[in-house]
PDB file of all heavy atoms in Angstrom:
ATOM      1  N   THR A   1      49.608  27.011 123.033  1.00  0.00           N
ATOM      2  CA  THR A   1      50.180  25.687 123.262  1.00  0.00           C
ATOM      3  C   THR A   1      51.641  25.646 122.844  1.00  0.00           C
ATOM      4  O   THR A   1      52.481  25.108 123.561  1.00  0.00           O
ATOM      5  CB  THR A   1      49.381  24.624 122.485  1.00  0.00           C
ATOM      6  OG1 THR A   1      48.024  24.687 122.895  1.00  0.00           O
ATOM      7  CG2 THR A   1      49.937  23.243 122.730  1.00  0.00           C
ATOM      8  N   ARG A   2      51.967  26.220 121.705  1.00  0.00           N
ATOM      9  CA  ARG A   2      53.358  26.225 121.254  1.00  0.00           C
ATOM     10  C   ARG A   2      54.234  27.017 122.211  1.00  0.00           C
ATOM     11  O   ARG A   2      55.355  26.630 122.503  1.00  0.00           O
ATOM     12  CB  ARG A   2      53.455  26.812 119.856  1.00  0.00           C
ATOM     13  CG  ARG A   2      52.951  25.878 118.801  1.00  0.00           C
ATOM     14  CD  ARG A   2      53.205  26.441 117.432  1.00  0.00           C
ATOM     15  NE  ARG A   2      52.629  25.568 116.430  1.00  0.00           N
ATOM     16  CZ  ARG A   2      52.548  25.873 115.169  1.00  0.00           C
ATOM     17  NH1 ARG A   2      52.997  27.032 114.735  1.00  0.00           N
ATOM     18  NH2 ARG A   2      52.007  25.035 114.313  1.00  0.00           N
ATOM     19  N   THR A   3      53.731  28.124 122.685  1.00  0.00           N
ATOM     20  CA  THR A   3      54.487  28.918 123.644  1.00  0.00           C
ATOM     21  C   THR A   3      54.762  28.095 124.890  1.00  0.00           C
ATOM     22  O   THR A   3      55.879  28.065 125.392  1.00  0.00           O
ATOM     23  CB  THR A   3      53.705  30.192 124.023  1.00  0.00           C
ATOM     24  OG1 THR A   3      53.497  30.946 122.843  1.00  0.00           O
ATOM     25  CG2 THR A   3      54.474  31.010 125.046  1.00  0.00           C
ATOM     26  N   TRP A   4      53.749  27.416 125.393  1.00  0.00           N
ATOM     27  CA  TRP A   4      53.917  26.631 126.623  1.00  0.00           C
ATOM     28  C   TRP A   4      54.883  25.480 126.428  1.00  0.00           C
ATOM     29  O   TRP A   4      55.667  25.174 127.314  1.00  0.00           O
ATOM     30  CB  TRP A   4      52.565  26.109 127.106  1.00  0.00           C
ATOM     31  CG  TRP A   4      51.724  27.231 127.578  1.00  0.00           C
ATOM     32  CD1 TRP A   4      50.525  27.620 127.066  1.00  0.00           C
ATOM     33  CD2 TRP A   4      52.017  28.163 128.607  1.00  0.00           C
ATOM     34  NE1 TRP A   4      50.074  28.726 127.715  1.00  0.00           N
ATOM     35  CE2 TRP A   4      50.971  29.077 128.675  1.00  0.00           C
ATOM     36  CE3 TRP A   4      53.086  28.317 129.478  1.00  0.00           C
ATOM     37  CZ2 TRP A   4      50.942  30.119 129.579  1.00  0.00           C
ATOM     38  CZ3 TRP A   4      53.056  29.354 130.381  1.00  0.00           C
ATOM     39  CH2 TRP A   4      51.998  30.233 130.415  1.00  0.00           C
ATOM     40  N   ILE A   5      54.837  24.847 125.276  1.00  0.00           N
ATOM     41  CA  ILE A   5      55.767  23.751 125.014  1.00  0.00           C
ATOM     42  C   ILE A   5      57.194  24.281 124.994  1.00  0.00           C
ATOM     43  O   ILE A   5      58.089  23.710 125.607  1.00  0.00           O
ATOM     44  CB  ILE A   5      55.413  23.042 123.691  1.00  0.00           C
ATOM     45  CG1 ILE A   5      54.112  22.255 123.861  1.00  0.00           C
ATOM     46  CG2 ILE A   5      56.549  22.105 123.265  1.00  0.00           C
ATOM     47  CD1 ILE A   5      53.547  21.702 122.560  1.00  0.00           C
ATOM     48  N   ALA A   6      57.392  25.385 124.306  1.00  0.00           N
ATOM     49  CA  ALA A   6      58.738  25.950 124.219  1.00  0.00           C
ATOM     50  C   ALA A   6      59.234  26.400 125.585  1.00  0.00           C
ATOM     51  O   ALA A   6      60.338  26.055 126.007  1.00  0.00           O
ATOM     52  CB  ALA A   6      58.749  27.122 123.240  1.00  0.00           C
ATOM     53  N   VAL A   7      58.438  27.165 126.293  1.00  0.00           N
ATOM     54  CA  VAL A   7      58.836  27.661 127.606  1.00  0.00           C
ATOM     55  C   VAL A   7      59.036  26.496 128.573  1.00  0.00           C
ATOM     56  O   VAL A   7      60.039  26.423 129.283  1.00  0.00           O
ATOM     57  CB  VAL A   7      57.797  28.661 128.154  1.00  0.00           C
ATOM     58  CG1 VAL A   7      58.111  29.029 129.587  1.00  0.00           C
ATOM     59  CG2 VAL A   7      57.766  29.911 127.295  1.00  0.00           C
ATOM     60  N   GLY A   8      58.090  25.585 128.587  1.00  0.00           N
ATOM     61  CA  GLY A   8      58.175  24.456 129.517  1.00  0.00           C
ATOM     62  C   GLY A   8      59.392  23.588 129.281  1.00  0.00           C
ATOM     63  O   GLY A   8      60.052  23.144 130.220  1.00  0.00           O
ATOM     64  N   THR A   9      59.718  23.357 128.031  1.00  0.00           N
ATOM     65  CA  THR A   9      60.875  22.541 127.708  1.00  0.00           C
ATOM     66  C   THR A   9      62.152  23.209 128.176  1.00  0.00           C
ATOM     67  O   THR A   9      63.014  22.573 128.771  1.00  0.00           O
ATOM     68  CB  THR A   9      60.924  22.266 126.197  1.00  0.00           C
ATOM     69  OG1 THR A   9      59.716  21.612 125.819  1.00  0.00           O
ATOM     70  CG2 THR A   9      62.107  21.392 125.832  1.00  0.00           C
ATOM     71  N   VAL A  10      62.291  24.492 127.917  1.00  0.00           N
ATOM     72  CA  VAL A  10      63.485  25.200 128.335  1.00  0.00           C
ATOM     73  C   VAL A  10      63.568  25.277 129.854  1.00  0.00           C
ATOM     74  O   VAL A  10      64.632  25.083 130.444  1.00  0.00           O
ATOM     75  CB  VAL A  10      63.553  26.605 127.692  1.00  0.00           C
ATOM     76  CG1 VAL A  10      64.680  27.412 128.293  1.00  0.00           C
ATOM     77  CG2 VAL A  10      63.742  26.467 126.196  1.00  0.00           C
ATOM     78  N   VAL A  11      62.462  25.538 130.521  1.00  0.00           N
ATOM     79  CA  VAL A  11      62.456  25.588 131.981  1.00  0.00           C
ATOM     80  C   VAL A  11      62.887  24.247 132.541  1.00  0.00           C
ATOM     81  O   VAL A  11      63.760  24.165 133.404  1.00  0.00           O
ATOM     82  CB  VAL A  11      61.057  25.973 132.525  1.00  0.00           C
ATOM     83  CG1 VAL A  11      60.980  25.766 134.022  1.00  0.00           C
ATOM     84  CG2 VAL A  11      60.749  27.410 132.175  1.00  0.00           C
ATOM     85  N   LEU A  12      62.284  23.193 132.056  1.00  0.00           N
ATOM     86  CA  LEU A  12      62.622  21.863 132.543  1.00  0.00           C
ATOM     87  C   LEU A  12      64.084  21.545 132.270  1.00  0.00           C
ATOM     88  O   LEU A  12      64.784  21.018 133.131  1.00  0.00           O
ATOM     89  CB  LEU A  12      61.713  20.813 131.907  1.00  0.00           C
ATOM     90  CG  LEU A  12      61.929  19.383 132.384  1.00  0.00           C
ATOM     91  CD1 LEU A  12      61.691  19.283 133.888  1.00  0.00           C
ATOM     92  CD2 LEU A  12      61.005  18.442 131.646  1.00  0.00           C
ATOM     93  N   ALA A  13      64.566  21.887 131.097  1.00  0.00           N
ATOM     94  CA  ALA A  13      65.958  21.630 130.761  1.00  0.00           C
ATOM     95  C   ALA A  13      66.897  22.305 131.744  1.00  0.00           C
ATOM     96  O   ALA A  13      67.816  21.693 132.273  1.00  0.00           O
ATOM     97  CB  ALA A  13      66.263  22.116 129.343  1.00  0.00           C
ATOM     98  N   GLY A  14      66.662  23.575 131.962  1.00  0.00           N
ATOM     99  CA  GLY A  14      67.518  24.312 132.875  1.00  0.00           C
ATOM    100  C   GLY A  14      67.461  23.800 134.291  1.00  0.00           C
ATOM    101  O   GLY A  14      68.479  23.640 134.956  1.00  0.00           O
ATOM    102  N   VAL A  15      66.296  23.523 134.779  1.00  0.00           N
ATOM    103  CA  VAL A  15      66.151  23.067 136.150  1.00  0.00           C
ATOM    104  C   VAL A  15      66.780  21.699 136.347  1.00  0.00           C
ATOM    105  O   VAL A  15      67.475  21.453 137.329  1.00  0.00           O
ATOM    106  CB  VAL A  15      64.663  23.055 136.562  1.00  0.00           C
ATOM    107  CG1 VAL A  15      64.470  22.376 137.902  1.00  0.00           C
ATOM    108  CG2 VAL A  15      64.140  24.480 136.621  1.00  0.00           C
ATOM    109  N   ILE A  16      66.574  20.798 135.427  1.00  0.00           N
ATOM    110  CA  ILE A  16      67.167  19.472 135.562  1.00  0.00           C
ATOM    111  C   ILE A  16      68.678  19.564 135.547  1.00  0.00           C
ATOM    112  O   ILE A  16      69.365  18.936 136.342  1.00  0.00           O
ATOM    113  CB  ILE A  16      66.648  18.528 134.460  1.00  0.00           C
ATOM    114  CG1 ILE A  16      65.186  18.195 134.739  1.00  0.00           C
ATOM    115  CG2 ILE A  16      67.466  17.253 134.414  1.00  0.00           C
ATOM    116  CD1 ILE A  16      64.528  17.397 133.655  1.00  0.00           C
ATOM    117  N   VAL A  17      69.230  20.343 134.658  1.00  0.00           N
ATOM    118  CA  VAL A  17      70.676  20.503 134.627  1.00  0.00           C
ATOM    119  C   VAL A  17      71.178  21.074 135.943  1.00  0.00           C
ATOM    120  O   VAL A  17      72.212  20.684 136.449  1.00  0.00           O
ATOM    121  CB  VAL A  17      71.098  21.401 133.446  1.00  0.00           C
ATOM    122  CG1 VAL A  17      72.538  21.843 133.584  1.00  0.00           C
ATOM    123  CG2 VAL A  17      70.901  20.666 132.145  1.00  0.00           C
ATOM    124  N   ALA A  18      70.434  21.973 136.524  1.00  0.00           N
ATOM    125  CA  ALA A  18      70.879  22.635 137.741  1.00  0.00           C
ATOM    126  C   ALA A  18      71.063  21.690 138.908  1.00  0.00           C
ATOM    127  O   ALA A  18      71.896  21.917 139.773  1.00  0.00           O
ATOM    128  CB  ALA A  18      69.890  23.735 138.122  1.00  0.00           C
ATOM    129  N   TRP A  19      70.299  20.606 138.979  1.00  0.00           N
ATOM    130  CA  TRP A  19      70.390  19.789 140.181  1.00  0.00           C
ATOM    131  C   TRP A  19      71.053  18.447 140.006  1.00  0.00           C
ATOM    132  O   TRP A  19      71.349  17.761 140.973  1.00  0.00           O
ATOM    133  CB  TRP A  19      69.011  19.600 140.788  1.00  0.00           C
ATOM    134  CG  TRP A  19      68.068  18.802 139.968  1.00  0.00           C
ATOM    135  CD1 TRP A  19      67.144  19.290 139.116  1.00  0.00           C
ATOM    136  CD2 TRP A  19      67.957  17.379 139.894  1.00  0.00           C
ATOM    137  NE1 TRP A  19      66.473  18.269 138.515  1.00  0.00           N
ATOM    138  CE2 TRP A  19      66.952  17.089 138.983  1.00  0.00           C
ATOM    139  CE3 TRP A  19      68.622  16.330 140.521  1.00  0.00           C
ATOM    140  CZ2 TRP A  19      66.582  15.805 138.670  1.00  0.00           C
ATOM    141  CZ3 TRP A  19      68.249  15.047 140.211  1.00  0.00           C
ATOM    142  CH2 TRP A  19      67.237  14.803 139.298  1.00  0.00           C
ATOM    143  N   ALA A  20      71.343  17.989 138.809  1.00  0.00           N
ATOM    144  CA  ALA A  20      71.694  16.591 138.619  1.00  0.00           C
ATOM    145  C   ALA A  20      73.152  16.230 138.841  1.00  0.00           C
ATOM    146  O   ALA A  20      73.452  15.104 139.164  1.00  0.00           O
ATOM    147  CB  ALA A  20      71.282  16.158 137.225  1.00  0.00           C
ATOM    148  N   GLN A  21      74.082  17.123 138.635  1.00  0.00           N
ATOM    149  CA  GLN A  21      75.489  16.799 138.699  1.00  0.00           C
ATOM    150  C   GLN A  21      75.890  16.212 140.047  1.00  0.00           C
ATOM    151  O   GLN A  21      75.545  16.712 141.086  1.00  0.00           O
ATOM    152  CB  GLN A  21      76.307  18.062 138.412  1.00  0.00           C
ATOM    153  CG  GLN A  21      77.745  17.996 138.760  1.00  0.00           C
ATOM    154  CD  GLN A  21      78.496  16.913 138.042  1.00  0.00           C
ATOM    155  OE1 GLN A  21      78.111  16.476 136.981  1.00  0.00           O
ATOM    156  NE2 GLN A  21      79.546  16.457 138.637  1.00  0.00           N
ATOM    157  N   GLY A  22      76.681  15.128 140.015  1.00  0.00           N
ATOM    158  CA  GLY A  22      77.259  14.568 141.219  1.00  0.00           C
ATOM    159  C   GLY A  22      76.306  13.780 142.087  1.00  0.00           C
ATOM    160  O   GLY A  22      76.643  13.445 143.205  1.00  0.00           O
ATOM    161  N   ARG A  23      75.163  13.452 141.609  1.00  0.00           N
ATOM    162  CA  ARG A  23      74.172  12.749 142.408  1.00  0.00           C
ATOM    163  C   ARG A  23      74.229  11.252 142.165  1.00  0.00           C
ATOM    164  O   ARG A  23      74.825  10.776 141.214  1.00  0.00           O
ATOM    165  CB  ARG A  23      72.762  13.222 142.089  1.00  0.00           C
ATOM    166  CG  ARG A  23      72.395  14.657 142.216  1.00  0.00           C
ATOM    167  CD  ARG A  23      73.166  15.501 143.191  1.00  0.00           C
ATOM    168  NE  ARG A  23      72.709  16.861 143.006  1.00  0.00           N
ATOM    169  CZ  ARG A  23      73.365  17.770 142.332  1.00  0.00           C
ATOM    170  NH1 ARG A  23      74.519  17.528 141.840  1.00  0.00           N
ATOM    171  NH2 ARG A  23      72.874  18.972 142.186  1.00  0.00           N
ATOM    172  N   LYS A  24      73.516  10.543 143.019  1.00  0.00           N
ATOM    173  CA  LYS A  24      73.367   9.105 142.859  1.00  0.00           C
ATOM    174  C   LYS A  24      72.407   8.842 141.707  1.00  0.00           C
ATOM    175  O   LYS A  24      71.419   9.543 141.548  1.00  0.00           O
ATOM    176  CB  LYS A  24      72.763   8.502 144.123  1.00  0.00           C
ATOM    177  CG  LYS A  24      73.668   8.524 145.321  1.00  0.00           C
ATOM    178  CD  LYS A  24      72.943   7.881 146.489  1.00  0.00           C
ATOM    179  CE  LYS A  24      73.810   7.779 147.706  1.00  0.00           C
ATOM    180  NZ  LYS A  24      73.107   7.118 148.815  1.00  0.00           N
ATOM    181  N   PRO A  25      72.680   7.800 140.917  1.00  0.00           N
ATOM    182  CA  PRO A  25      71.700   7.451 139.887  1.00  0.00           C
ATOM    183  C   PRO A  25      70.459   6.845 140.534  1.00  0.00           C
ATOM    184  O   PRO A  25      70.546   6.189 141.574  1.00  0.00           O
ATOM    185  CB  PRO A  25      72.438   6.424 139.024  1.00  0.00           C
ATOM    186  CG  PRO A  25      73.510   5.886 139.898  1.00  0.00           C
ATOM    187  CD  PRO A  25      73.864   6.966 140.880  1.00  0.00           C
ATOM    188  N   GLY A  26      69.304   7.099 139.933  1.00  0.00           N
ATOM    189  CA  GLY A  26      68.053   6.561 140.447  1.00  0.00           C
ATOM    190  C   GLY A  26      66.963   7.616 140.435  1.00  0.00           C
ATOM    191  O   GLY A  26      67.010   8.580 139.676  1.00  0.00           O
ATOM    192  N   LEU A  27      65.977   7.424 141.313  1.00  0.00           N
ATOM    193  CA  LEU A  27      64.811   8.296 141.366  1.00  0.00           C
ATOM    194  C   LEU A  27      65.073   9.485 142.290  1.00  0.00           C
ATOM    195  O   LEU A  27      65.471   9.321 143.442  1.00  0.00           O
ATOM    196  CB  LEU A  27      63.600   7.506 141.869  1.00  0.00           C
ATOM    197  CG  LEU A  27      62.265   8.249 141.854  1.00  0.00           C
ATOM    198  CD1 LEU A  27      61.861   8.601 140.425  1.00  0.00           C
ATOM    199  CD2 LEU A  27      61.194   7.392 142.525  1.00  0.00           C
ATOM    200  N   TRP A  28      64.814  10.673 141.754  1.00  0.00           N
ATOM    201  CA  TRP A  28      64.958  11.921 142.496  1.00  0.00           C
ATOM    202  C   TRP A  28      63.622  12.644 142.504  1.00  0.00           C
ATOM    203  O   TRP A  28      62.902  12.648 141.514  1.00  0.00           O
ATOM    204  CB  TRP A  28      65.999  12.817 141.819  1.00  0.00           C
ATOM    205  CG  TRP A  28      67.395  12.375 142.083  1.00  0.00           C
ATOM    206  CD1 TRP A  28      68.069  11.369 141.455  1.00  0.00           C
ATOM    207  CD2 TRP A  28      68.272  12.899 143.065  1.00  0.00           C
ATOM    208  NE1 TRP A  28      69.316  11.251 141.981  1.00  0.00           N
ATOM    209  CE2 TRP A  28      69.473  12.180 142.968  1.00  0.00           C
ATOM    210  CE3 TRP A  28      68.159  13.917 144.009  1.00  0.00           C
ATOM    211  CZ2 TRP A  28      70.560  12.448 143.798  1.00  0.00           C
ATOM    212  CZ3 TRP A  28      69.245  14.182 144.825  1.00  0.00           C
ATOM    213  CH2 TRP A  28      70.425  13.450 144.722  1.00  0.00           C
ATOM    214  N   GLU A  29      63.304  13.283 143.630  1.00  0.00           N
ATOM    215  CA  GLU A  29      62.123  14.134 143.721  1.00  0.00           C
ATOM    216  C   GLU A  29      62.601  15.576 143.772  1.00  0.00           C
ATOM    217  O   GLU A  29      63.393  15.944 144.627  1.00  0.00           O
ATOM    218  CB  GLU A  29      61.300  13.803 144.959  1.00  0.00           C
ATOM    219  CG  GLU A  29      60.005  14.590 145.024  1.00  0.00           C
ATOM    220  CD  GLU A  29      59.144  14.096 146.155  1.00  0.00           C
ATOM    221  OE1 GLU A  29      59.320  14.612 147.280  1.00  0.00           O
ATOM    222  OE2 GLU A  29      58.323  13.199 145.920  1.00  0.00           O
ATOM    223  N   MET A  30      62.103  16.382 142.835  1.00  0.00           N
ATOM    224  CA  MET A  30      62.560  17.751 142.693  1.00  0.00           C
ATOM    225  C   MET A  30      61.392  18.715 142.871  1.00  0.00           C
ATOM    226  O   MET A  30      60.338  18.541 142.260  1.00  0.00           O
ATOM    227  CB  MET A  30      63.175  17.931 141.306  1.00  0.00           C
ATOM    228  CG  MET A  30      63.728  19.306 141.055  1.00  0.00           C
ATOM    229  SD  MET A  30      64.665  19.406 139.510  1.00  0.00           S
ATOM    230  CE  MET A  30      63.491  18.812 138.334  1.00  0.00           C
ATOM    231  N   THR A  31      61.588  19.718 143.709  1.00  0.00           N
ATOM    232  CA  THR A  31      60.590  20.766 143.903  1.00  0.00           C
ATOM    233  C   THR A  31      61.160  22.064 143.341  1.00  0.00           C
ATOM    234  O   THR A  31      62.234  22.499 143.748  1.00  0.00           O
ATOM    235  CB  THR A  31      60.226  20.916 145.389  1.00  0.00           C
ATOM    236  OG1 THR A  31      59.736  19.664 145.861  1.00  0.00           O
ATOM    237  CG2 THR A  31      59.178  21.999 145.589  1.00  0.00           C
ATOM    238  N   THR A  32      60.424  22.659 142.412  1.00  0.00           N
ATOM    239  CA  THR A  32      60.898  23.834 141.681  1.00  0.00           C
ATOM    240  C   THR A  32      59.873  24.960 141.758  1.00  0.00           C
ATOM    241  O   THR A  32      58.677  24.716 141.653  1.00  0.00           O
ATOM    242  CB  THR A  32      61.131  23.477 140.203  1.00  0.00           C
ATOM    243  OG1 THR A  32      62.036  22.382 140.129  1.00  0.00           O
ATOM    244  CG2 THR A  32      61.687  24.651 139.427  1.00  0.00           C
ATOM    245  N   THR A  33      60.374  26.166 141.907  1.00  0.00           N
ATOM    246  CA  THR A  33      59.536  27.362 141.856  1.00  0.00           C
ATOM    247  C   THR A  33      60.098  28.285 140.780  1.00  0.00           C
ATOM    248  O   THR A  33      61.288  28.593 140.780  1.00  0.00           O
ATOM    249  CB  THR A  33      59.501  28.086 143.210  1.00  0.00           C
ATOM    250  OG1 THR A  33      59.023  27.182 144.197  1.00  0.00           O
ATOM    251  CG2 THR A  33      58.610  29.314 143.153  1.00  0.00           C
ATOM    252  N   MET A  34      59.228  28.685 139.859  1.00  0.00           N
ATOM    253  CA  MET A  34      59.629  29.571 138.769  1.00  0.00           C
ATOM    254  C   MET A  34      59.075  30.967 139.026  1.00  0.00           C
ATOM    255  O   MET A  34      57.928  31.116 139.421  1.00  0.00           O
ATOM    256  CB  MET A  34      59.091  29.034 137.449  1.00  0.00           C
ATOM    257  CG  MET A  34      59.480  29.874 136.274  1.00  0.00           C
ATOM    258  SD  MET A  34      58.820  29.125 134.779  1.00  0.00           S
ATOM    259  CE  MET A  34      59.424  30.272 133.587  1.00  0.00           C
ATOM    260  N   THR A  35      59.915  31.964 138.775  1.00  0.00           N
ATOM    261  CA  THR A  35      59.522  33.356 138.934  1.00  0.00           C
ATOM    262  C   THR A  35      59.790  34.089 137.628  1.00  0.00           C
ATOM    263  O   THR A  35      60.881  33.989 137.075  1.00  0.00           O
ATOM    264  CB  THR A  35      60.329  34.027 140.069  1.00  0.00           C
ATOM    265  OG1 THR A  35      60.201  33.258 141.251  1.00  0.00           O
ATOM    266  CG2 THR A  35      59.861  35.448 140.309  1.00  0.00           C
ATOM    267  N   TRP A  36      58.772  34.814 137.139  1.00  0.00           N
ATOM    268  CA  TRP A  36      58.928  35.601 135.913  1.00  0.00           C
ATOM    269  C   TRP A  36      59.397  36.999 136.264  1.00  0.00           C
ATOM    270  O   TRP A  36      58.747  37.698 137.023  1.00  0.00           O
ATOM    271  CB  TRP A  36      57.600  35.711 135.170  1.00  0.00           C
ATOM    272  CG  TRP A  36      57.159  34.441 134.527  1.00  0.00           C
ATOM    273  CD1 TRP A  36      56.243  33.563 135.017  1.00  0.00           C
ATOM    274  CD2 TRP A  36      57.606  33.906 133.299  1.00  0.00           C
ATOM    275  NE1 TRP A  36      56.086  32.518 134.161  1.00  0.00           N
ATOM    276  CE2 TRP A  36      56.931  32.702 133.087  1.00  0.00           C
ATOM    277  CE3 TRP A  36      58.534  34.323 132.344  1.00  0.00           C
ATOM    278  CZ2 TRP A  36      57.134  31.905 131.962  1.00  0.00           C
ATOM    279  CZ3 TRP A  36      58.734  33.539 131.223  1.00  0.00           C
ATOM    280  CH2 TRP A  36      58.036  32.349 131.037  1.00  0.00           C
TER     281      TRP A  36
END
């Protein structure tokens, strides 16, 4: 569980940062694929 929380938080952090700049404020739908 601790591993998943740590990995999931970092994955989510990185992915959100990757797409958010310069966008309209509001609701966004994001589709992400992770590869190890």
